[in-house]
Protein backbone atom coordinates (compact mmCIF):
# COMPACT_ATOMS: atom_id res chain seq x y z
CA UNK A 1 -143.56 72.81 -67.81
CA UNK A 2 -144.29 69.29 -69.02
CA UNK A 3 -144.07 67.95 -65.48
CA UNK A 4 -146.51 70.61 -64.21
CA UNK A 5 -148.94 69.78 -67.00
CA UNK A 6 -148.69 66.05 -66.25
CA UNK A 7 -149.27 66.74 -62.56
CA UNK A 8 -152.43 68.70 -63.38
CA UNK A 9 -153.60 65.96 -65.73
CA UNK A 10 -152.90 63.33 -63.08
CA UNK A 11 -154.93 65.28 -60.53
CA UNK A 12 -157.88 65.51 -62.90
CA UNK A 13 -157.49 61.85 -63.90
CA UNK A 14 -157.46 60.74 -60.24
CA UNK A 15 -160.72 62.61 -59.68
CA UNK A 16 -162.27 60.66 -62.55
CA UNK A 17 -160.57 57.31 -61.79
CA UNK A 18 -158.85 56.94 -58.38
CA UNK A 19 -156.85 53.90 -59.59
CA UNK A 20 -155.31 55.77 -62.52
CA UNK A 21 -151.53 55.48 -62.81
CA UNK A 22 -150.71 58.27 -65.21
CA UNK A 23 -147.04 57.33 -65.60
CA UNK A 24 -147.92 53.83 -66.80
CA UNK A 25 -150.58 55.26 -69.11
CA UNK A 26 -148.37 58.04 -70.50
CA UNK A 27 -145.11 56.07 -70.81
CA UNK A 28 -145.63 54.86 -74.42
CA UNK A 29 -146.64 58.35 -75.56
CA UNK A 30 -143.72 60.00 -73.75
CA UNK A 31 -141.24 57.45 -75.14
CA UNK A 32 -142.48 58.09 -78.67
CA UNK A 33 -142.34 61.86 -78.17
CA UNK A 34 -138.79 61.67 -76.74
CA UNK A 35 -137.74 59.46 -79.64
CA UNK A 36 -139.11 62.01 -82.10
CA UNK A 37 -137.49 64.96 -80.31
CA UNK A 38 -134.13 63.58 -79.20
CA UNK A 39 -133.74 60.20 -80.88
CA UNK A 40 -132.83 59.33 -84.46
CA UNK A 41 -135.97 60.89 -85.87
CA UNK A 42 -135.22 64.19 -84.14
CA UNK A 43 -131.60 64.07 -85.27
CA UNK A 44 -132.57 63.41 -88.88
CA UNK A 45 -135.18 66.19 -88.79
CA UNK A 46 -132.60 68.62 -87.37
CA UNK A 47 -130.03 67.60 -89.97
CA UNK A 48 -132.59 68.10 -92.74
CA UNK A 49 -133.47 71.51 -91.36
CA UNK A 50 -129.85 72.64 -90.84
CA UNK A 51 -128.39 71.23 -94.09
CA UNK A 52 -128.97 74.42 -96.15
CA UNK A 53 -127.12 76.51 -93.57
CA UNK A 54 -124.23 74.03 -93.49
CA UNK A 55 -124.05 74.13 -97.28
CA UNK A 56 -123.43 77.89 -97.05
CA UNK A 57 -120.98 77.68 -94.14
CA UNK A 58 -118.81 74.69 -95.15
CA UNK A 59 -117.02 76.44 -98.06
CA UNK A 60 -116.14 79.35 -95.74
CA UNK A 61 -114.89 77.13 -92.94
CA UNK A 62 -111.16 77.02 -93.90
CA UNK A 63 -111.03 80.83 -94.14
CA UNK A 64 -112.86 81.24 -90.83
CA UNK A 65 -110.54 78.76 -89.09
CA UNK A 66 -107.47 80.50 -90.51
CA UNK A 67 -108.75 83.89 -89.37
CA UNK A 68 -109.51 82.58 -85.87
CA UNK A 69 -106.06 81.02 -85.58
CA UNK A 70 -104.28 84.09 -86.97
CA UNK A 71 -105.93 86.56 -84.58
CA UNK A 72 -103.71 87.82 -81.81
CA UNK A 73 -106.12 87.17 -78.99
CA UNK A 74 -103.34 86.92 -76.44
CA UNK A 75 -102.22 90.47 -77.21
CA UNK A 76 -105.65 91.87 -76.45
CA UNK A 77 -105.86 89.70 -73.36
CA UNK A 78 -102.43 90.87 -72.20
CA UNK A 79 -103.48 94.53 -72.59
CA UNK A 80 -106.66 93.89 -70.60
CA UNK A 81 -104.75 92.13 -67.81
CA UNK A 82 -102.22 94.97 -67.61
CA UNK A 83 -105.03 97.55 -67.44
CA UNK A 84 -106.74 95.58 -64.67
CA UNK A 85 -103.45 95.25 -62.78
CA UNK A 86 -102.90 99.02 -62.99
CA UNK A 87 -106.43 99.69 -61.73
CA UNK A 88 -105.90 97.21 -58.91
CA UNK A 89 -102.60 98.86 -57.91
CA UNK A 90 -104.29 102.30 -57.91
CA UNK A 91 -107.13 100.97 -55.76
CA UNK A 92 -104.62 99.41 -53.33
CA UNK A 93 -102.76 102.75 -53.05
CA UNK A 94 -106.02 104.57 -52.31
CA UNK A 95 -106.99 101.98 -49.69
CA UNK A 96 -103.56 102.23 -48.06
CA UNK A 97 -103.86 106.04 -47.90
CA UNK A 98 -107.34 105.75 -46.41
CA UNK A 99 -106.05 103.27 -43.83
CA UNK A 100 -103.23 105.65 -42.84
CA UNK A 101 -105.71 108.52 -42.45
CA UNK A 102 -107.99 106.34 -40.30
CA UNK A 103 -105.13 105.13 -38.09
CA UNK A 104 -103.83 108.68 -37.61
CA UNK A 105 -107.35 109.88 -36.83
CA UNK A 106 -107.88 107.12 -34.27
CA UNK A 107 -104.51 107.86 -32.66
CA UNK A 108 -105.33 111.56 -32.44
CA UNK A 109 -108.77 110.76 -31.08
CA UNK A 110 -107.25 108.40 -28.51
CA UNK A 111 -104.70 111.03 -27.40
CA UNK A 112 -107.42 113.61 -27.13
CA UNK A 113 -106.06 116.14 -29.62
CA UNK A 114 -108.96 115.77 -31.92
């Protein structure tokens, strides 16, 4: 979106001044904006904004970590894998039966009985 806006601005600027190099003109402003958004200023602003939420979450962190580690996620995963394997085996059986029916039908059609 920023690039599209800059392209439009550059087009308008070139109509007003054909020798305009927008990237040279905009570089200091873009560097300052990037520094504010992503650099130390942005990091400090984000930390200041997020600090109240961290203050609420940090005391709960040991309990949350213990709960996450104690959960039997592998058991649920194992059940899901077994269910998928059973569905896959059923689908393979149906496909094999369909293949047998097709082969028998083609043989009967080739013999002329059908």
